[in-house]
Amino acid sequence: MVPTTKRLLALDYGTVRVGVAISDPLRILARGLETIERQGDDERVIARVQELIQTYDIGAIVLGLPLRTDDLPGEKETETRAFAEKLFAATGLEIIFQDERYTTVMAHELMSQAKIKVQDRKKIVDQIAAEIILQDYLNSL
């Protein structure tokens, strides 16, 4: 019998959209799951995350942290940390920060290599970025 554990959920938290990815139960592979339209509302995002936690038996959340290249705290990092506090208060799950520098650039490069049409990229770029964030975290375990 193969041991299983609870899955990880990853979020690429953005101003307009939040990309979502999920791990397999063995925490080996990440896959993009969906993109949540923020519409300026963290509560809406948190409600959807809570639904995903129940549906997929999530054990922890990996949250992309937009660190600056000069290692000074920036506005986006501060906003993401504030979101993490709300997320923890609502879910009680461990929030694991993962450096997300360049993940959106990598996501665009992957979509370009896959010849995904430019007009279709906006729909999935955040989801792919979340997948990269999660896979980087899984690879570090």
Protein backbone atom coordinates (compact mmCIF):
# COMPACT_ATOMS: atom_id res chain seq x y z
CA MET A 1 0.00 0.00 0.00
CA VAL A 2 1.34 3.43 -0.98
CA PRO A 3 1.30 5.98 1.86
CA THR A 4 -0.73 9.10 1.19
CA THR A 5 -0.86 12.45 2.83
CA LYS A 6 -2.94 15.54 2.47
CA ARG A 7 -2.42 17.56 -0.68
CA LEU A 8 -0.86 21.00 -0.87
CA LEU A 9 -2.65 23.92 -2.47
CA ALA A 10 -0.57 26.69 -4.04
CA LEU A 11 -1.64 30.24 -4.74
CA ASP A 12 -0.14 32.88 -7.00
CA TYR A 13 -1.76 35.94 -5.40
CA GLY A 14 -2.19 38.83 -7.79
CA THR A 15 -3.99 42.14 -7.98
CA VAL A 16 -6.54 40.91 -10.53
CA ARG A 17 -6.36 37.11 -10.39
CA VAL A 18 -5.18 34.32 -8.10
CA GLY A 19 -3.70 31.27 -9.77
CA VAL A 20 -4.34 27.96 -8.04
CA ALA A 21 -2.39 24.71 -8.26
CA ILE A 22 -2.61 21.45 -6.34
CA SER A 23 -0.24 18.63 -5.53
CA ASP A 24 -0.91 14.94 -5.85
CA PRO A 25 -1.47 13.09 -2.53
CA LEU A 26 2.18 11.96 -2.48
CA ARG A 27 3.34 15.56 -2.88
CA ILE A 28 5.50 14.78 -5.89
CA LEU A 29 3.78 16.61 -8.75
CA ALA A 30 1.97 19.92 -9.09
CA ARG A 31 -0.78 20.70 -11.55
CA GLY A 32 -2.65 23.87 -12.31
CA LEU A 33 -6.20 23.81 -11.04
CA GLU A 34 -7.96 27.11 -11.75
CA THR A 35 -7.76 30.88 -11.75
CA ILE A 36 -9.86 32.89 -9.32
CA GLU A 37 -10.88 36.38 -10.42
CA ARG A 38 -10.21 38.62 -7.41
CA GLN A 39 -12.45 41.51 -8.34
CA GLY A 40 -10.69 43.40 -5.52
CA ASP A 41 -12.15 41.08 -2.92
CA ASP A 42 -9.99 38.85 -0.70
CA GLU A 43 -13.07 37.42 1.01
CA ARG A 44 -14.29 36.05 -2.32
CA VAL A 45 -10.90 34.40 -2.90
CA ILE A 46 -10.77 32.99 0.63
CA ALA A 47 -14.28 31.54 0.29
CA ARG A 48 -13.23 29.73 -2.90
CA VAL A 49 -10.02 28.50 -1.26
CA GLN A 50 -12.08 27.12 1.64
CA GLU A 51 -14.21 25.18 -0.87
CA LEU A 52 -11.08 23.78 -2.51
CA ILE A 53 -9.66 22.77 0.89
CA GLN A 54 -12.76 20.68 1.56
CA THR A 55 -12.97 19.21 -1.93
CA TYR A 56 -9.33 18.17 -2.19
CA ASP A 57 -8.42 17.42 1.45
CA ILE A 58 -5.72 20.09 1.65
CA GLY A 59 -3.14 19.96 4.45
CA ALA A 60 -1.27 23.25 3.90
CA ILE A 61 -1.12 26.21 1.55
CA VAL A 62 1.96 27.27 -0.39
CA LEU A 63 1.72 30.98 -1.12
CA GLY A 64 3.95 32.64 -3.68
CA LEU A 65 5.83 35.51 -2.08
CA PRO A 66 6.83 38.30 -4.48
CA LEU A 67 10.28 39.11 -3.18
CA ARG A 68 12.27 41.93 -4.72
CA THR A 69 15.67 41.25 -6.25
CA ASP A 70 17.27 43.72 -3.81
CA ASP A 71 15.75 41.75 -0.88
CA LEU A 72 14.00 44.84 0.48
CA PRO A 73 10.32 44.40 1.38
CA GLY A 74 8.06 45.76 -1.34
CA GLU A 75 4.40 46.73 -1.53
CA LYS A 76 3.36 43.43 -3.19
CA GLU A 77 5.16 41.41 -0.50
CA THR A 78 3.39 43.40 2.22
CA GLU A 79 0.00 42.86 0.52
CA THR A 80 0.68 39.13 0.14
CA ARG A 81 1.66 38.76 3.79
CA ALA A 82 -1.55 40.57 4.83
CA PHE A 83 -3.54 38.19 2.62
CA ALA A 84 -1.71 35.25 4.25
CA GLU A 85 -2.83 36.42 7.69
CA LYS A 86 -6.47 36.54 6.54
CA LEU A 87 -6.10 33.16 4.87
CA PHE A 88 -4.65 31.58 8.01
CA ALA A 89 -7.38 33.11 10.19
CA ALA A 90 -10.06 31.70 7.88
CA THR A 91 -8.59 28.23 7.31
CA GLY A 92 -6.29 27.45 10.23
CA LEU A 93 -3.91 25.80 7.75
CA GLU A 94 -0.17 26.33 7.72
CA ILE A 95 0.85 28.95 5.16
CA ILE A 96 4.20 28.19 3.54
CA PHE A 97 5.84 31.07 1.71
CA GLN A 98 7.67 30.24 -1.52
CA ASP A 99 9.77 32.70 -3.50
CA GLU A 100 7.82 33.46 -6.66
CA ARG A 101 10.32 35.69 -8.43
CA TYR A 102 10.20 35.21 -12.19
CA THR A 103 7.41 32.60 -12.11
CA THR A 104 5.12 34.70 -14.31
CA VAL A 105 7.98 35.18 -16.77
CA MET A 106 8.58 31.42 -16.75
CA ALA A 107 4.86 30.79 -17.24
CA HIS A 108 4.82 33.07 -20.29
CA GLU A 109 7.89 31.29 -21.68
CA LEU A 110 6.25 27.89 -21.23
CA MET A 111 3.09 29.09 -22.96
CA SER A 112 5.16 30.51 -25.80
CA GLN A 113 7.00 27.20 -26.22
CA ALA A 114 3.66 25.39 -26.17
CA LYS A 115 2.42 27.81 -28.85
CA ILE A 116 -0.57 28.89 -26.77
CA LYS A 117 -2.28 31.85 -28.43
CA VAL A 118 -1.49 35.20 -26.84
CA GLN A 119 -5.19 35.98 -26.29
CA ASP A 120 -5.61 32.69 -24.36
CA ARG A 121 -2.62 33.23 -22.06
CA LYS A 122 -4.29 35.71 -19.70
CA LYS A 123 -6.77 33.00 -18.67
CA ILE A 124 -4.09 30.56 -17.48
CA VAL A 125 -0.85 32.45 -16.77
CA ASP A 126 -1.54 32.77 -13.04
CA GLN A 127 -2.53 29.11 -12.81
CA ILE A 128 0.74 28.08 -14.50
CA ALA A 129 2.68 30.42 -12.20
CA ALA A 130 1.01 28.73 -9.18
CA GLU A 131 2.00 25.36 -10.61
CA ILE A 132 5.63 26.50 -10.92
CA ILE A 133 5.57 27.86 -7.34
CA LEU A 134 4.23 24.57 -6.04
CA GLN A 135 6.58 22.37 -8.07
CA ASP A 136 9.57 24.43 -6.88
CA TYR A 137 8.42 23.88 -3.30
CA LEU A 138 7.86 20.15 -3.84
CA ASN A 139 11.30 19.82 -5.43
CA SER A 140 12.85 21.39 -2.32
CA LEU A 141 11.39 18.74 0.02
